[in-house]
């Protein structure tokens, strides 16, 4: 499993890349895309929409199943990566390069570092 050190993670398998200008990009982890299998559809929100922590803001469908994607913190959508709507398989090709949305308002509170996330996933694999 690949979990870059420069990202933060949630227990619902989203990654967050914070930038110095107060913005953050959110996507799904490499582990999540592996579990989903071949991604065939991505549904994204519109710019300007606001979400609270835990709100569903996107859906990702694969040939196996559908996954709801959760907002890791309160935030406002600045832009959505509409290229994924046209080419959803990019999520499988590069999970960490295929961000879903860019937001403003997120804070690095309660998120996991790479090592913590890897331990969390390892425990899932062991127990599940």
N, C-alpha and C. Protein backbone atom coordinates (compact mmCIF):
# COMPACT_ATOMS: atom_id res chain seq x y z
N UNK A 1 0.84 -1.18 0.00
CA UNK A 1 0.00 0.00 0.00
C UNK A 1 0.88 1.24 0.00
N UNK A 2 0.47 2.22 -0.73
CA UNK A 2 1.21 3.46 -0.88
C UNK A 2 0.50 4.56 -0.09
N UNK A 3 1.21 5.21 0.84
CA UNK A 3 0.66 6.33 1.61
C UNK A 3 1.75 7.39 1.75
N UNK A 4 1.79 8.36 0.84
CA UNK A 4 2.83 9.39 0.88
C UNK A 4 2.87 10.14 2.22
N UNK A 5 4.07 10.41 2.68
CA UNK A 5 4.29 11.08 3.96
C UNK A 5 3.75 12.51 4.00
N UNK A 6 3.69 13.19 2.86
CA UNK A 6 3.30 14.60 2.83
C UNK A 6 1.78 14.82 2.89
N UNK A 7 1.01 13.74 2.93
CA UNK A 7 -0.44 13.85 2.97
C UNK A 7 -0.97 13.49 4.36
N UNK A 8 -2.21 13.85 4.60
CA UNK A 8 -2.94 13.47 5.81
C UNK A 8 -4.06 12.54 5.35
N UNK A 9 -4.60 11.75 6.29
CA UNK A 9 -5.56 10.69 5.92
C UNK A 9 -6.71 10.62 6.92
N UNK A 10 -7.82 10.04 6.45
CA UNK A 10 -8.97 9.79 7.32
C UNK A 10 -9.18 8.29 7.44
N UNK A 11 -9.97 7.90 8.42
CA UNK A 11 -10.30 6.49 8.58
C UNK A 11 -11.36 6.04 7.57
N UNK A 12 -11.89 6.98 6.78
CA UNK A 12 -12.81 6.63 5.69
C UNK A 12 -12.09 6.66 4.35
N UNK A 13 -10.76 6.70 4.38
CA UNK A 13 -9.87 6.51 3.24
C UNK A 13 -9.83 7.68 2.25
N UNK A 14 -9.95 8.90 2.78
CA UNK A 14 -9.67 10.09 1.98
C UNK A 14 -8.28 10.57 2.32
N UNK A 15 -7.61 11.17 1.34
CA UNK A 15 -6.34 11.84 1.60
C UNK A 15 -6.55 13.34 1.44
N UNK A 16 -5.72 14.11 2.16
CA UNK A 16 -5.81 15.56 2.13
C UNK A 16 -4.40 16.11 1.94
N UNK A 17 -4.25 16.99 0.96
CA UNK A 17 -2.98 17.67 0.71
C UNK A 17 -3.18 19.15 0.99
N UNK A 18 -2.58 19.62 2.08
CA UNK A 18 -2.69 21.02 2.45
C UNK A 18 -1.66 21.84 1.68
N UNK A 19 -2.06 23.05 1.28
CA UNK A 19 -1.14 23.96 0.61
C UNK A 19 -0.89 25.17 1.52
N UNK A 20 0.13 25.95 1.21
CA UNK A 20 0.49 27.07 2.07
C UNK A 20 -0.50 28.23 1.97
N UNK A 21 -1.35 28.23 0.96
CA UNK A 21 -2.29 29.34 0.79
C UNK A 21 -3.64 29.08 1.46
N UNK A 22 -3.72 28.09 2.36
CA UNK A 22 -4.95 27.82 3.09
C UNK A 22 -5.94 26.94 2.36
N UNK A 23 -5.52 26.35 1.28
CA UNK A 23 -6.38 25.45 0.52
C UNK A 23 -5.95 24.01 0.77
N UNK A 24 -6.81 23.09 0.36
CA UNK A 24 -6.46 21.67 0.47
C UNK A 24 -7.15 20.92 -0.67
N UNK A 25 -6.46 19.91 -1.18
CA UNK A 25 -7.05 19.01 -2.17
C UNK A 25 -7.39 17.71 -1.46
N UNK A 26 -8.50 17.10 -1.88
CA UNK A 26 -8.97 15.86 -1.27
C UNK A 26 -9.16 14.81 -2.35
N UNK A 27 -8.74 13.59 -2.07
CA UNK A 27 -8.95 12.48 -2.98
C UNK A 27 -9.16 11.21 -2.19
N UNK A 28 -9.21 10.08 -2.88
CA UNK A 28 -9.31 8.80 -2.17
C UNK A 28 -7.96 8.11 -2.21
N UNK A 29 -7.68 7.33 -1.19
CA UNK A 29 -6.37 6.71 -1.05
C UNK A 29 -6.16 5.58 -2.04
N UNK A 30 -4.90 5.21 -2.15
CA UNK A 30 -4.52 4.07 -2.98
C UNK A 30 -5.22 2.81 -2.48
N UNK A 31 -5.29 2.64 -1.17
CA UNK A 31 -6.00 1.50 -0.59
C UNK A 31 -7.46 1.49 -1.04
N UNK A 32 -8.11 2.64 -0.97
CA UNK A 32 -9.53 2.73 -1.35
C UNK A 32 -9.73 2.35 -2.81
N UNK A 33 -8.89 2.85 -3.70
CA UNK A 33 -9.08 2.54 -5.12
C UNK A 33 -8.80 1.06 -5.38
N UNK A 34 -7.89 0.45 -4.62
CA UNK A 34 -7.64 -0.98 -4.78
C UNK A 34 -8.84 -1.80 -4.35
N UNK A 35 -9.46 -1.41 -3.23
CA UNK A 35 -10.64 -2.12 -2.73
C UNK A 35 -11.82 -1.95 -3.69
N UNK A 36 -11.97 -0.74 -4.24
CA UNK A 36 -13.06 -0.48 -5.17
C UNK A 36 -12.91 -1.27 -6.47
N UNK A 37 -11.71 -1.39 -6.95
CA UNK A 37 -11.49 -1.99 -8.26
C UNK A 37 -11.60 -0.94 -9.34
N UNK A 38 -11.92 -1.35 -10.55
CA UNK A 38 -11.96 -0.45 -11.70
C UNK A 38 -13.04 0.62 -11.54
N UNK A 39 -12.61 1.88 -11.36
CA UNK A 39 -13.54 3.00 -11.20
C UNK A 39 -14.13 3.36 -12.56
N UNK A 40 -15.46 3.44 -12.60
CA UNK A 40 -16.16 3.71 -13.86
C UNK A 40 -16.98 5.01 -13.83
N UNK A 41 -17.16 5.60 -12.64
CA UNK A 41 -17.99 6.80 -12.54
C UNK A 41 -17.58 7.59 -11.30
N UNK A 42 -17.50 8.92 -11.45
CA UNK A 42 -17.22 9.81 -10.33
C UNK A 42 -18.24 10.94 -10.38
N UNK A 43 -18.89 11.19 -9.26
CA UNK A 43 -19.85 12.29 -9.12
C UNK A 43 -19.24 13.31 -8.15
N UNK A 44 -19.13 14.57 -8.60
CA UNK A 44 -18.47 15.60 -7.81
C UNK A 44 -19.41 16.77 -7.53
N UNK A 45 -19.15 17.52 -6.45
CA UNK A 45 -19.99 18.68 -6.13
C UNK A 45 -19.64 19.89 -6.99
N UNK A 46 -20.45 20.94 -6.84
CA UNK A 46 -20.23 22.18 -7.56
C UNK A 46 -19.41 23.16 -6.72
N UNK A 47 -18.69 24.03 -7.38
CA UNK A 47 -17.95 25.09 -6.70
C UNK A 47 -18.90 25.92 -5.86
N UNK A 48 -18.43 26.34 -4.70
CA UNK A 48 -19.22 27.18 -3.83
C UNK A 48 -20.03 26.43 -2.80
N UNK A 49 -20.22 25.14 -2.98
CA UNK A 49 -20.98 24.35 -2.01
C UNK A 49 -20.18 24.21 -0.73
N UNK A 50 -20.87 24.24 0.40
CA UNK A 50 -20.21 24.11 1.70
C UNK A 50 -20.65 22.81 2.36
N UNK A 51 -19.70 22.19 3.03
CA UNK A 51 -19.95 20.90 3.69
C UNK A 51 -19.41 20.93 5.11
N UNK A 52 -20.05 20.17 5.95
CA UNK A 52 -19.60 19.96 7.32
C UNK A 52 -18.81 18.66 7.38
N UNK A 53 -18.00 18.53 8.40
CA UNK A 53 -17.23 17.31 8.61
C UNK A 53 -18.19 16.12 8.63
N UNK A 54 -17.86 15.10 7.84
CA UNK A 54 -18.67 13.89 7.78
C UNK A 54 -19.74 13.88 6.71
N UNK A 55 -19.99 15.04 6.08
CA UNK A 55 -20.97 15.09 4.99
C UNK A 55 -20.45 14.33 3.78
N UNK A 56 -21.34 13.69 3.06
CA UNK A 56 -20.99 13.05 1.79
C UNK A 56 -20.90 14.15 0.74
N UNK A 57 -19.75 14.25 0.06
CA UNK A 57 -19.61 15.29 -0.96
C UNK A 57 -19.39 14.73 -2.36
N UNK A 58 -19.12 13.44 -2.48
CA UNK A 58 -18.88 12.84 -3.79
C UNK A 58 -19.21 11.34 -3.72
N UNK A 59 -19.36 10.75 -4.90
CA UNK A 59 -19.57 9.31 -5.03
C UNK A 59 -18.59 8.78 -6.07
N UNK A 60 -18.06 7.60 -5.80
CA UNK A 60 -17.18 6.92 -6.74
C UNK A 60 -17.76 5.53 -6.95
N UNK A 61 -18.00 5.18 -8.21
CA UNK A 61 -18.54 3.86 -8.52
C UNK A 61 -17.51 3.05 -9.29
N UNK A 62 -17.48 1.77 -8.98
CA UNK A 62 -16.60 0.85 -9.69
C UNK A 62 -17.44 -0.28 -10.25
N UNK A 63 -16.79 -1.20 -10.93
CA UNK A 63 -17.52 -2.35 -11.46
C UNK A 63 -18.03 -3.23 -10.32
N UNK A 64 -17.42 -3.09 -9.13
CA UNK A 64 -17.81 -3.91 -7.97
C UNK A 64 -18.84 -3.26 -7.06
N UNK A 65 -18.70 -1.95 -6.83
CA UNK A 65 -19.49 -1.31 -5.78
C UNK A 65 -19.51 0.21 -5.96
N UNK A 66 -20.20 0.87 -5.04
CA UNK A 66 -20.23 2.33 -5.00
C UNK A 66 -19.73 2.77 -3.63
N UNK A 67 -18.97 3.86 -3.60
CA UNK A 67 -18.45 4.39 -2.33
C UNK A 67 -18.82 5.85 -2.20
N UNK A 68 -19.28 6.21 -1.01
CA UNK A 68 -19.54 7.61 -0.70
C UNK A 68 -18.26 8.20 -0.13
N UNK A 69 -17.96 9.43 -0.52
CA UNK A 69 -16.74 10.11 -0.09
C UNK A 69 -17.14 11.20 0.89
N UNK A 70 -16.46 11.22 2.04
CA UNK A 70 -16.84 12.10 3.14
C UNK A 70 -15.89 13.28 3.30
N UNK A 71 -16.46 14.43 3.64
CA UNK A 71 -15.67 15.62 3.89
C UNK A 71 -14.95 15.45 5.22
N UNK A 72 -13.61 15.59 5.23
CA UNK A 72 -12.85 15.36 6.45
C UNK A 72 -12.99 16.47 7.50
N UNK A 73 -13.39 17.66 7.08
CA UNK A 73 -13.58 18.80 7.98
C UNK A 73 -14.58 19.75 7.32
N UNK A 74 -15.06 20.73 8.06
CA UNK A 74 -15.90 21.75 7.46
C UNK A 74 -15.11 22.45 6.36
N UNK A 75 -15.74 22.69 5.22
CA UNK A 75 -15.03 23.38 4.15
C UNK A 75 -15.93 23.78 3.00
N UNK A 76 -15.43 24.67 2.18
CA UNK A 76 -16.15 25.18 1.01
C UNK A 76 -15.42 24.72 -0.25
N UNK A 77 -16.17 24.17 -1.21
CA UNK A 77 -15.60 23.69 -2.46
C UNK A 77 -15.18 24.88 -3.31
N UNK A 78 -13.89 24.91 -3.68
CA UNK A 78 -13.39 25.93 -4.58
C UNK A 78 -13.50 25.47 -6.02
N UNK A 79 -13.11 24.22 -6.24
CA UNK A 79 -13.18 23.65 -7.58
C UNK A 79 -13.24 22.13 -7.48
N UNK A 80 -13.83 21.51 -8.48
CA UNK A 80 -13.88 20.05 -8.58
C UNK A 80 -13.06 19.64 -9.80
N UNK A 81 -12.43 18.49 -9.71
CA UNK A 81 -11.59 17.97 -10.79
C UNK A 81 -12.49 17.29 -11.83
N UNK A 82 -13.07 18.10 -12.70
CA UNK A 82 -14.04 17.60 -13.67
C UNK A 82 -13.44 16.63 -14.68
N UNK A 83 -12.12 16.60 -14.81
CA UNK A 83 -11.47 15.64 -15.69
C UNK A 83 -11.79 14.21 -15.25
N UNK A 84 -12.04 14.02 -13.94
CA UNK A 84 -12.37 12.68 -13.45
C UNK A 84 -13.77 12.23 -13.87
N UNK A 85 -14.65 13.19 -14.12
CA UNK A 85 -15.98 12.83 -14.60
C UNK A 85 -15.86 12.21 -15.99
N UNK A 86 -14.99 12.79 -16.80
CA UNK A 86 -14.77 12.28 -18.17
C UNK A 86 -13.88 11.04 -18.20
N UNK A 87 -12.92 10.96 -17.26
CA UNK A 87 -11.97 9.85 -17.23
C UNK A 87 -11.82 9.32 -15.80
N UNK A 88 -12.85 8.65 -15.28
CA UNK A 88 -12.82 8.18 -13.89
C UNK A 88 -11.71 7.16 -13.61
N UNK A 89 -11.22 6.48 -14.63
CA UNK A 89 -10.16 5.48 -14.44
C UNK A 89 -8.87 6.11 -13.95
N UNK A 90 -8.75 7.44 -14.05
CA UNK A 90 -7.54 8.11 -13.53
C UNK A 90 -7.35 7.86 -12.04
N UNK A 91 -8.45 7.64 -11.32
CA UNK A 91 -8.36 7.35 -9.89
C UNK A 91 -7.56 6.07 -9.67
N UNK A 92 -7.76 5.07 -10.53
CA UNK A 92 -7.01 3.81 -10.42
C UNK A 92 -5.56 3.99 -10.87
N UNK A 93 -5.37 4.81 -11.87
CA UNK A 93 -4.03 4.99 -12.43
C UNK A 93 -3.11 5.77 -11.49
N UNK A 94 -3.65 6.76 -10.78
CA UNK A 94 -2.85 7.59 -9.89
C UNK A 94 -3.74 8.18 -8.81
N UNK A 95 -3.98 7.41 -7.76
CA UNK A 95 -4.89 7.84 -6.70
C UNK A 95 -4.47 9.16 -6.06
N UNK A 96 -3.17 9.38 -5.92
CA UNK A 96 -2.71 10.60 -5.24
C UNK A 96 -2.51 11.77 -6.19
N UNK A 97 -2.58 11.54 -7.47
CA UNK A 97 -2.54 12.62 -8.45
C UNK A 97 -3.93 13.00 -8.93
N UNK A 98 -4.91 12.19 -8.59
CA UNK A 98 -6.29 12.39 -9.05
C UNK A 98 -7.15 12.91 -7.90
N UNK A 99 -6.93 14.16 -7.55
CA UNK A 99 -7.73 14.78 -6.50
C UNK A 99 -9.17 14.97 -6.98
N UNK A 100 -10.10 14.94 -6.04
CA UNK A 100 -11.51 15.10 -6.37
C UNK A 100 -11.93 16.57 -6.31
N UNK A 101 -11.59 17.23 -5.19
CA UNK A 101 -11.97 18.63 -5.00
C UNK A 101 -10.85 19.41 -4.34
N UNK A 102 -10.90 20.71 -4.55
CA UNK A 102 -10.04 21.63 -3.82
C UNK A 102 -10.96 22.46 -2.93
N UNK A 103 -10.58 22.62 -1.67
CA UNK A 103 -11.44 23.29 -0.70
C UNK A 103 -10.67 24.34 0.07
N UNK A 104 -11.44 25.21 0.70
CA UNK A 104 -10.89 26.19 1.64
C UNK A 104 -11.62 25.97 2.96
N UNK A 105 -10.88 26.08 4.04
CA UNK A 105 -11.51 25.99 5.35
C UNK A 105 -11.11 24.77 6.14
N UNK A 106 -10.46 23.81 5.52
CA UNK A 106 -10.05 22.62 6.25
C UNK A 106 -8.93 22.92 7.22
N UNK A 107 -8.94 22.22 8.32
CA UNK A 107 -7.86 22.33 9.30
C UNK A 107 -7.32 20.92 9.54
N UNK A 108 -6.06 20.85 9.83
CA UNK A 108 -5.39 19.58 10.07
C UNK A 108 -5.65 19.13 11.52
N UNK A 109 -6.89 18.80 11.80
CA UNK A 109 -7.28 18.37 13.14
C UNK A 109 -7.90 16.98 13.06
N UNK A 110 -7.37 16.06 13.84
CA UNK A 110 -7.95 14.73 13.89
C UNK A 110 -7.63 13.86 12.68
N UNK A 111 -6.70 14.29 11.86
CA UNK A 111 -6.33 13.52 10.68
C UNK A 111 -5.13 12.64 10.99
N UNK A 112 -4.97 11.58 10.24
CA UNK A 112 -3.88 10.64 10.45
C UNK A 112 -2.68 10.97 9.58
N UNK A 113 -1.48 10.75 10.12
CA UNK A 113 -0.27 10.80 9.32
C UNK A 113 -0.15 9.50 8.54
N UNK A 114 0.82 9.42 7.66
CA UNK A 114 1.00 8.24 6.81
C UNK A 114 1.21 6.97 7.63
N UNK A 115 2.07 7.01 8.64
CA UNK A 115 2.34 5.82 9.45
C UNK A 115 1.09 5.38 10.21
N UNK A 116 0.35 6.34 10.76
CA UNK A 116 -0.89 6.00 11.47
C UNK A 116 -1.91 5.38 10.53
N UNK A 117 -2.03 5.94 9.33
CA UNK A 117 -2.98 5.41 8.35
C UNK A 117 -2.59 3.99 7.94
N UNK A 118 -1.31 3.77 7.70
CA UNK A 118 -0.85 2.43 7.32
C UNK A 118 -1.16 1.41 8.42
N UNK A 119 -0.97 1.78 9.68
CA UNK A 119 -1.31 0.89 10.79
C UNK A 119 -2.81 0.62 10.83
N UNK A 120 -3.60 1.66 10.58
CA UNK A 120 -5.07 1.53 10.57
C UNK A 120 -5.49 0.52 9.48
N UNK A 121 -4.95 0.67 8.28
CA UNK A 121 -5.30 -0.23 7.17
C UNK A 121 -4.82 -1.65 7.46
N UNK A 122 -3.64 -1.77 8.04
CA UNK A 122 -3.11 -3.09 8.39
C UNK A 122 -4.04 -3.79 9.39
N UNK A 123 -4.55 -3.02 10.36
CA UNK A 123 -5.48 -3.59 11.34
C UNK A 123 -6.79 -4.01 10.67
N UNK A 124 -7.25 -3.24 9.69
CA UNK A 124 -8.44 -3.63 8.93
C UNK A 124 -8.23 -4.95 8.23
N UNK A 125 -7.08 -5.08 7.58
CA UNK A 125 -6.77 -6.29 6.84
C UNK A 125 -6.65 -7.51 7.76
N UNK A 126 -6.11 -7.29 8.94
CA UNK A 126 -5.94 -8.37 9.91
C UNK A 126 -7.26 -8.80 10.53
N UNK A 127 -8.11 -7.81 10.80
CA UNK A 127 -9.39 -8.10 11.47
C UNK A 127 -10.53 -8.38 10.51
N UNK A 128 -10.35 -8.05 9.25
CA UNK A 128 -11.49 -8.13 8.36
C UNK A 128 -11.33 -9.12 7.31
